[in-house]
Protein backbone atom coordinates (compact mmCIF):
# COMPACT_ATOMS: atom_id res chain seq x y z
CA MET A 1 32.20 -10.38 9.82
CA LEU A 2 35.39 -8.87 10.70
CA ASP A 3 38.51 -10.65 10.56
CA THR A 4 40.19 -11.06 13.97
CA HIS A 5 42.83 -8.76 12.94
CA GLU A 6 41.17 -6.10 11.84
CA ARG A 7 39.69 -3.51 14.21
CA LYS A 8 36.67 -1.61 14.12
CA PRO A 9 37.64 2.19 13.53
CA ARG A 10 36.86 4.88 15.95
CA GLY A 11 33.43 6.20 16.61
CA PHE A 12 31.92 3.12 14.75
CA LYS A 13 28.14 2.82 15.68
CA LYS A 14 26.02 -0.34 14.61
CA MET A 15 23.00 0.18 12.20
CA VAL A 16 19.86 -0.20 14.80
CA TYR A 17 16.77 -1.04 12.87
CA PRO A 18 13.63 -0.91 15.02
CA GLN A 19 12.39 -4.81 15.99
CA LYS A 20 9.04 -6.14 15.23
CA LYS A 21 9.03 -7.47 19.08
CA TYR A 22 8.41 -4.05 20.39
CA TYR A 23 5.67 -3.32 17.85
CA ARG A 24 3.62 -6.18 18.37
CA GLN A 25 -0.25 -5.35 18.49
CA ARG A 26 -3.65 -7.15 17.71
CA ALA A 27 -3.53 -8.45 13.49
CA HIS A 28 -6.93 -6.58 13.10
CA ALA A 29 -8.28 -3.17 13.95
CA ASN A 30 -11.91 -2.60 13.28
CA PRO A 31 -12.25 0.14 10.36
CA ILE A 32 -15.44 1.53 11.49
CA ALA A 33 -14.42 2.66 15.21
CA ASP A 34 -13.25 5.91 15.85
CA HIS A 35 -9.68 5.83 16.04
CA CYS A 36 -9.24 9.44 17.00
CA LEU A 37 -7.69 10.15 13.73
CA THR A 38 -6.68 13.95 12.86
CA TYR A 39 -6.69 14.33 8.81
CA PRO A 40 -6.51 16.72 6.53
CA LYS A 41 -9.56 18.85 5.09
CA ASN A 42 -8.93 18.17 1.35
CA PRO A 43 -5.49 17.47 -0.79
CA LEU A 44 -4.37 20.56 -0.72
CA GLU A 45 -3.71 20.81 3.00
CA VAL A 46 -1.26 17.81 2.66
CA ASN A 47 2.62 18.73 3.35
CA TRP A 48 3.79 16.08 1.87
CA SER A 49 7.23 17.13 2.05
CA GLN A 50 7.46 16.15 5.92
CA TYR A 51 7.17 12.80 4.64
CA TYR A 52 9.70 13.08 1.20
CA PRO A 53 11.89 15.60 3.13
CA GLU A 54 14.67 15.24 0.23
CA ILE A 55 12.42 15.55 -2.59
CA HIS A 56 10.81 18.67 -3.91
CA ILE A 57 6.79 18.27 -4.04
CA ASN A 58 5.00 19.96 -6.66
CA GLU A 59 1.76 19.16 -8.67
CA GLU A 60 3.58 16.33 -10.91
CA ARG A 61 5.95 14.94 -8.49
CA THR A 62 3.73 13.71 -5.53
CA VAL A 63 2.09 10.29 -4.42
CA LYS A 64 1.82 8.20 -7.61
CA PHE A 65 1.71 4.87 -5.54
CA LEU A 66 -0.58 3.90 -2.52
CA ASP A 67 -0.17 0.53 -0.75
CA ILE A 68 -3.30 0.26 1.59
CA GLY A 69 -3.03 -1.69 4.75
CA CYS A 70 0.56 -1.90 4.76
CA GLY A 71 1.45 -3.78 7.64
CA TYR A 72 5.54 -3.60 8.08
CA GLY A 73 6.20 -2.28 5.06
CA GLY A 74 7.53 -5.15 3.05
CA LEU A 75 6.05 -3.86 0.04
CA LEU A 76 7.25 0.09 0.04
CA VAL A 77 11.12 -1.41 1.05
CA THR A 78 11.04 -3.83 -2.14
CA ILE A 79 9.73 -1.58 -5.02
CA SER A 80 11.20 1.78 -3.59
CA PRO A 81 14.56 0.76 -5.87
CA MET A 82 12.27 -0.41 -8.89
CA PHE A 83 10.54 3.31 -8.91
CA PRO A 84 12.94 5.83 -7.79
CA GLN A 85 10.87 8.06 -9.56
CA ARG A 86 7.67 7.41 -8.15
CA LEU A 87 6.49 8.61 -4.65
CA ILE A 88 5.11 5.42 -2.41
CA LEU A 89 3.03 5.68 0.39
CA GLY A 90 1.80 3.36 2.73
CA VAL A 91 -1.27 3.77 4.92
CA GLU A 92 -1.88 1.61 7.79
CA ILE A 93 -4.88 2.04 10.81
CA ARG A 94 -2.37 0.32 13.43
CA VAL A 95 -0.65 2.34 15.95
CA LYS A 96 2.30 0.73 16.33
CA VAL A 97 2.63 -0.92 13.31
CA SER A 98 2.80 2.33 11.22
CA ASP A 99 5.18 3.48 13.96
CA TYR A 100 7.22 0.48 12.97
CA VAL A 101 6.97 1.60 9.10
CA ILE A 102 8.03 5.01 10.00
CA ASP A 103 11.23 4.07 12.27
CA ARG A 104 11.78 1.29 9.49
CA ILE A 105 12.29 3.99 6.80
CA HIS A 106 13.86 6.32 8.79
CA ALA A 107 16.58 3.95 9.49
CA LEU A 108 16.67 2.68 6.45
CA ARG A 109 17.38 6.40 4.89
CA LYS A 110 20.23 6.92 7.62
CA ALA A 111 21.79 3.31 6.55
CA GLN A 112 21.47 4.33 2.88
CA PRO A 113 21.58 7.85 2.20
CA GLY A 114 20.26 9.01 -0.60
CA CYS A 115 18.12 5.32 -0.72
CA PHE A 116 14.42 4.87 -0.03
CA GLN A 117 14.02 8.74 -0.26
CA ASN A 118 10.75 7.82 -2.28
CA ILE A 119 8.32 5.96 0.33
CA ALA A 120 6.53 6.48 3.21
CA CYS A 121 3.87 5.71 6.10
CA LEU A 122 1.17 7.49 7.75
CA ARG A 123 -1.24 6.41 9.87
CA THR A 124 -5.00 6.95 8.72
CA ASN A 125 -8.33 5.29 7.99
CA ALA A 126 -8.47 4.22 4.11
CA MET A 127 -12.14 3.25 4.77
CA LYS A 128 -13.25 7.10 5.21
CA TYR A 129 -10.16 8.99 4.34
CA LEU A 130 -8.79 8.58 1.21
CA PRO A 131 -10.22 11.70 -0.53
CA ASN A 132 -8.58 13.89 2.13
CA TYR A 133 -5.08 12.76 0.67
CA PHE A 134 -5.78 12.44 -3.02
CA ARG A 135 -6.86 14.34 -5.55
CA LYS A 136 -9.16 13.06 -8.30
CA GLY A 137 -6.89 11.17 -10.95
CA GLN A 138 -3.76 11.34 -8.78
CA LEU A 139 -2.91 7.90 -8.21
CA GLU A 140 -1.54 5.22 -10.96
CA LYS A 141 -1.42 2.08 -8.54
CA LEU A 142 -3.34 0.60 -5.56
CA PHE A 143 -2.20 -2.08 -3.61
CA PHE A 144 -4.52 -4.44 -1.24
CA LEU A 145 -2.06 -7.36 -0.11
CA TYR A 146 -3.75 -9.87 2.03
CA PRO A 147 -6.17 -7.87 3.33
CA ASP A 148 -8.30 -8.99 6.49
CA PRO A 149 -10.73 -10.91 5.34
CA HIS A 150 -13.48 -10.43 8.31
CA PHE A 151 -15.05 -14.05 7.44
CA LYS A 152 -18.21 -13.43 9.51
CA LYS A 153 -21.53 -11.96 7.40
CA ALA A 154 -21.86 -9.42 9.94
CA LYS A 155 -18.43 -7.76 9.28
CA TYR A 156 -18.68 -7.92 5.91
CA LYS A 157 -19.19 -4.33 5.66
CA TRP A 158 -15.38 -3.73 7.07
CA ARG A 159 -14.14 -5.62 3.78
CA ILE A 160 -11.68 -2.88 2.42
CA ILE A 161 -13.27 -4.02 -1.05
CA ASN A 162 -17.00 -3.01 -1.23
CA LYS A 163 -18.99 -1.61 -3.45
CA ASN A 164 -18.94 1.72 -1.95
CA LEU A 165 -15.40 2.12 -1.40
CA LEU A 166 -15.03 1.20 -4.89
CA ALA A 167 -16.27 4.62 -5.77
CA GLU A 168 -13.66 6.07 -3.93
CA TYR A 169 -11.22 3.84 -5.21
CA ALA A 170 -12.15 4.63 -8.80
CA TYR A 171 -11.99 8.53 -8.10
CA VAL A 172 -8.53 8.63 -7.07
CA LEU A 173 -6.97 6.67 -9.50
CA SER A 174 -6.12 7.81 -12.89
CA VAL A 175 -7.86 6.36 -15.43
CA GLY A 176 -5.37 3.40 -17.24
CA GLY A 177 -4.40 3.23 -13.04
CA ILE A 178 -3.92 -0.41 -11.88
CA VAL A 179 -5.46 -2.21 -8.66
CA TYR A 180 -3.35 -5.15 -7.45
CA THR A 181 -5.00 -7.86 -5.01
CA ILE A 182 -3.85 -10.67 -3.37
CA THR A 183 -5.20 -12.90 -0.62
CA ASP A 184 -4.81 -16.50 0.81
CA VAL A 185 -8.61 -16.62 1.35
CA LYS A 186 -10.43 -18.17 -1.73
CA ASP A 187 -13.82 -16.70 -0.77
CA LEU A 188 -12.40 -12.97 -0.53
CA HIS A 189 -10.66 -13.08 -3.48
CA GLU A 190 -13.96 -14.36 -5.47
CA TRP A 191 -15.61 -11.60 -3.06
CA ILE A 192 -12.81 -9.34 -4.78
CA VAL A 193 -12.97 -10.41 -8.20
CA LYS A 194 -17.26 -10.28 -8.20
CA HIS A 195 -16.94 -6.52 -6.95
CA PHE A 196 -14.28 -5.50 -9.08
CA THR A 197 -15.57 -6.80 -12.21
CA ASP A 198 -19.53 -5.75 -11.18
CA HIS A 199 -18.34 -2.21 -11.46
CA SER A 200 -18.11 -0.09 -14.83
CA LEU A 201 -14.97 1.55 -14.06
CA PHE A 202 -12.59 -1.67 -13.34
CA GLN A 203 -11.70 -4.55 -15.44
CA GLN A 204 -9.73 -7.18 -14.67
CA ILE A 205 -6.33 -7.68 -16.44
CA GLU A 206 -5.68 -11.63 -18.25
CA PRO A 207 -2.95 -13.10 -16.95
CA LEU A 208 -0.66 -13.21 -20.05
CA GLU A 209 -0.56 -9.03 -19.37
CA LEU A 210 0.73 -9.33 -16.00
CA GLU A 211 3.32 -11.63 -17.04
CA SER A 212 5.12 -8.41 -18.39
CA ASP A 213 4.57 -6.70 -15.21
CA PRO A 214 7.73 -6.81 -12.91
CA ILE A 215 5.54 -5.82 -9.93
CA VAL A 216 3.24 -9.14 -9.42
CA GLU A 217 6.35 -11.55 -8.58
CA LYS A 218 6.85 -8.90 -5.67
CA LEU A 219 3.22 -9.22 -4.54
CA TYR A 220 3.68 -12.68 -3.42
CA ASP A 221 6.12 -12.54 -0.53
CA SER A 222 7.26 -9.03 0.00
CA SER A 223 4.83 -8.49 3.07
CA GLU A 224 4.75 -10.33 6.06
CA GLU A 225 1.82 -11.77 5.51
CA GLY A 226 2.99 -13.24 2.24
CA LYS A 227 5.96 -14.91 3.73
CA LYS A 228 3.80 -16.52 6.55
CA VAL A 229 1.66 -18.09 3.76
CA THR A 230 4.45 -19.28 1.98
CA ARG A 231 6.17 -20.73 5.36
CA THR A 232 2.68 -22.80 5.47
CA GLN A 233 2.64 -23.89 1.85
CA GLY A 234 -0.98 -21.94 1.50
CA ASP A 235 -2.73 -20.85 -1.74
CA LYS A 236 -1.95 -17.37 -2.98
CA PHE A 237 -4.78 -15.54 -5.38
CA LEU A 238 -3.79 -13.02 -7.42
CA ALA A 239 -6.40 -10.55 -9.14
CA VAL A 240 -5.17 -7.50 -10.84
CA PHE A 241 -7.35 -4.47 -12.22
CA ARG A 242 -7.21 -1.57 -14.39
CA ARG A 243 -9.26 1.65 -14.19
CA VAL A 244 -10.95 2.21 -17.06
CA GLU A 245 -13.10 5.19 -18.69
CA ASP A 246 -16.45 5.98 -17.29
CA PRO A 247 -18.72 3.87 -20.55
CA PHE A 248 -21.44 6.87 -19.82
CA LEU A 249 -19.23 9.29 -20.25
CA ILE A 250 -17.90 7.70 -23.32
CA SER A 251 -21.27 7.05 -25.16
CA ASN A 252 -22.14 10.97 -24.42
CA LEU A 253 -19.58 11.67 -26.06
CA ASN A 254 -20.42 9.81 -29.09
């Protein structure tokens, strides 16, 4: 706070950050519906420079971390300074929420020149268009923080983790890539673990190994949903998986 004898310099402008109250909308969206989205035909058509204008994009320096259903961008902002050499992207299907994250990132870049240049957000439907944006094996890390549980059995097909989508996640992840999941719904946690462990291209990472991963502790409270669960003293269920080599290919090589 300024001392009573201090004066703001001439031309001083207070940094204005976007306020969530102006970007509110329904908590969930129907991922099966037609959301009138535009999307590239293939990853070669994506102009990543428009999302990371201060970074020279090339085949090696491209998006490596992806937060699916990034909400209000808490994880993006949290891990941005932790991995300054990695380009991190959040995707969100809700219009106003994605608008908020985009405006938030612009405000942070303006307030702290040189910082937060490695994070961006775009509006898309991850259940439909991931292969349109990412090459095979491009990503190193995938994040699913507090995804919509879709409690009714008739809507289980809307869950962001399902048998068909795991094939796409395996496609865009490099071998050795990591998938981080966390939820406050035990039934959904069990669903997630079952689907990943049943899939031949994923292997669950044991808790002892996770102790040395600096990202794990950030998963609990970096997002708005995580903070809400903490306030209500709810449970949080973590599960992390590694993309492994195709056992069919290994057996053929042997």
